[in-house]
Protein backbone atom coordinates (compact mmCIF):
# COMPACT_ATOMS: atom_id res chain seq x y z
CA MET A 1 -18.88 147.47 59.55
CA PRO A 2 -16.06 146.16 57.23
CA SER A 3 -13.36 145.41 59.07
CA THR A 4 -10.63 146.47 58.47
CA LEU A 5 -8.10 143.70 59.72
CA ILE A 6 -5.83 141.61 57.95
CA PRO A 7 -6.87 138.26 58.13
CA TYR A 8 -3.85 136.15 60.07
CA TYR A 9 -2.89 133.82 56.97
CA THR A 10 -1.93 137.14 54.62
CA LEU A 11 -0.47 139.03 57.19
CA SER A 12 1.99 135.80 57.91
CA ALA A 13 2.34 135.19 54.56
CA ILE A 14 3.27 139.27 53.65
CA VAL A 15 6.11 138.56 57.11
CA ARG A 16 7.46 135.00 55.62
CA THR A 17 7.54 137.30 51.88
CA LEU A 18 8.88 139.81 53.86
CA ALA A 19 11.36 137.88 55.30
CA THR A 20 12.34 135.82 52.42
CA LEU A 21 13.67 138.75 50.78
CA ALA A 22 15.67 140.33 53.22
CA PHE A 23 17.68 136.83 53.30
CA ALA A 24 18.37 137.27 49.73
CA ILE A 25 19.03 140.28 50.15
CA LEU A 26 21.59 139.41 52.59
CA LEU A 27 23.12 136.50 50.81
CA SER A 28 23.50 139.18 47.66
CA GLY A 29 25.51 141.25 49.91
CA CYS A 30 27.96 138.88 50.76
CA SER A 31 28.32 137.10 48.05
CA ARG A 32 30.04 140.37 46.19
CA GLN A 33 34.36 140.03 46.27
CA LYS A 34 36.03 142.71 48.67
CA ILE A 35 37.99 144.76 46.46
CA ILE A 36 41.16 145.58 47.45
CA GLY A 37 42.67 148.83 46.61
CA PRO A 38 46.72 149.69 47.53
CA ASP A 39 46.51 151.16 50.98
CA ASP A 40 44.66 148.35 52.27
CA LEU A 41 47.13 145.68 51.12
CA ARG A 42 49.37 147.81 52.71
CA SER A 43 48.80 147.67 55.24
CA GLN A 44 47.36 143.55 54.88
CA LEU A 45 51.51 144.01 54.23
CA THR A 46 52.42 145.11 57.02
CA ALA A 47 50.32 143.27 58.99
CA ALA A 48 51.92 140.29 57.72
CA ILE A 49 55.41 141.39 58.22
CA SER A 50 54.92 141.54 62.59
CA LEU A 51 53.53 138.32 61.88
CA ALA A 52 56.03 137.38 61.01
CA SER A 53 58.55 139.30 62.99
CA GLU A 54 56.15 138.45 65.93
CA THR A 55 57.15 134.69 65.52
CA GLU A 56 60.55 135.29 65.08
CA THR A 57 60.41 136.37 68.47
CA PHE A 58 58.92 133.95 69.74
CA LEU A 59 61.24 130.81 68.73
CA ASP A 60 64.34 133.35 70.21
CA TYR A 61 61.93 132.57 73.28
CA LEU A 62 61.03 129.08 72.94
CA SER A 63 64.91 128.24 72.33
CA GLN A 64 65.55 129.56 75.81
CA HIS A 65 63.83 127.42 77.42
CA ARG A 66 61.65 130.09 78.69
CA SER A 67 57.71 129.36 77.50
CA THR A 68 55.92 126.30 79.01
CA PHE A 69 54.56 123.54 76.43
CA ASN A 70 50.48 125.13 77.00
CA PHE A 71 51.81 128.49 76.14
CA ALA A 72 53.82 128.63 72.97
CA LEU A 73 50.95 125.98 71.29
CA GLY A 74 48.31 128.69 72.67
CA HIS A 75 50.59 131.24 71.12
CA ILE A 76 52.32 129.82 67.76
CA ALA A 77 48.45 128.69 67.28
CA TYR A 78 47.30 132.25 67.23
CA LEU A 79 49.81 133.44 64.96
CA ALA A 80 48.86 130.47 62.92
CA GLN A 81 45.44 130.95 62.76
CA THR A 82 45.44 134.66 62.40
CA ALA A 83 47.85 133.78 59.33
CA GLY A 84 45.36 131.50 57.68
CA GLN A 85 42.38 133.64 57.99
CA ASP A 86 44.73 136.53 56.20
CA ALA A 87 46.03 134.53 54.05
CA LYS A 88 42.24 133.09 53.24
CA GLU A 89 41.20 136.87 52.85
CA LEU A 90 43.63 137.44 50.69
CA HIS A 91 41.97 135.51 48.49
CA GLN A 92 38.61 136.18 48.60
CA SER A 93 39.56 139.62 47.29
CA LYS A 94 39.94 141.26 44.18
CA PRO A 95 42.79 143.56 43.57
CA ALA A 96 42.34 147.19 42.58
CA PRO A 97 43.47 147.55 39.03
CA SER A 98 46.75 149.12 40.12
CA ILE A 99 48.26 146.49 42.02
CA ALA A 100 46.23 143.77 39.68
CA GLN A 101 50.26 142.84 38.89
CA GLN A 102 52.08 142.70 42.22
CA PHE A 103 48.76 141.01 43.95
CA PRO A 104 49.21 137.19 42.59
CA ALA A 105 53.00 137.63 44.77
CA CYS A 106 51.24 138.81 47.65
CA GLN A 107 48.88 135.87 48.19
CA GLU A 108 51.66 133.76 47.40
CA GLN A 109 53.63 135.11 50.43
CA PHE A 110 51.01 135.20 53.08
CA ASP A 111 50.67 131.88 51.57
CA SER A 112 54.10 131.18 52.62
CA LEU A 113 53.59 132.61 56.50
CA ALA A 114 50.59 130.53 56.88
CA SER A 115 52.04 127.52 56.17
CA GLN A 116 55.37 127.50 57.55
CA LEU A 117 53.25 128.50 60.80
CA SER A 118 51.24 125.64 60.33
CA ALA A 119 54.21 123.26 60.54
CA LEU A 120 55.03 125.59 63.00
CA GLN A 121 52.19 124.81 65.14
CA GLN A 122 52.49 121.27 63.77
CA GLU A 123 55.69 120.83 66.04
CA VAL A 124 54.74 122.46 68.70
CA ALA A 125 52.31 120.30 68.99
CA VAL A 126 54.03 116.97 69.28
CA GLY A 127 56.28 118.35 71.76
CA GLN A 128 59.34 118.55 68.97
CA THR A 129 61.35 121.12 69.23
CA PRO A 130 61.37 123.54 66.14
CA ALA A 131 64.31 124.05 64.34
CA VAL A 132 64.89 127.58 65.21
CA ALA A 133 67.81 129.24 63.64
CA ILE A 134 66.14 127.38 60.17
CA ARG A 135 62.68 128.49 61.04
CA LYS A 136 64.38 131.93 61.89
CA ASP A 137 65.44 132.50 58.58
CA GLN A 138 63.01 131.37 57.04
CA LEU A 139 60.70 133.44 58.19
CA ALA A 140 63.32 136.08 58.13
CA GLN A 141 63.64 135.94 54.51
CA LEU A 142 60.10 135.93 53.58
CA ARG A 143 58.85 138.65 55.81
CA HIS A 144 61.95 140.44 53.96
CA SER A 145 59.78 139.32 50.71
CA LEU A 146 57.06 141.45 52.09
CA GLU A 147 58.96 144.42 53.29
CA GLN A 148 59.75 144.41 48.94
CA LEU A 149 56.04 143.93 48.01
CA LYS A 150 54.93 146.45 50.49
CA ALA A 151 57.72 148.65 49.15
CA GLY A 152 56.81 148.30 45.12
CA LEU A 153 53.08 150.11 46.37
């Protein structure tokens, strides 16, 4: 009576081959750049505008000495991390043809927001009181630029 069982070494080779194939498919699917359209970019600009506004409000809070050091440090770290991640995602995206001209300016403004929040995070981390008026003015100008970019889409 012939055995219909597959030998163990053959089954093991099949499982390894399938696992390797699945991993290769997963990697090839992740390696493509995300294409970002006007609606997605508008949404990301709205989030960046909100982040800039929240930071302006936070600076008011700091200037009134209504925050503990640990809260200030944690919150500005969160804001800086969010801005950095948003800028990184935008750089890893490819613009749809309809927004290709505006896209570099958007990337530049996202980078600027991430840079300003990172600098602010460093100031707070060393206990240095940020120059609130200057920072708020810079953030207001940046927010205005982001709003103009959004309106132009």
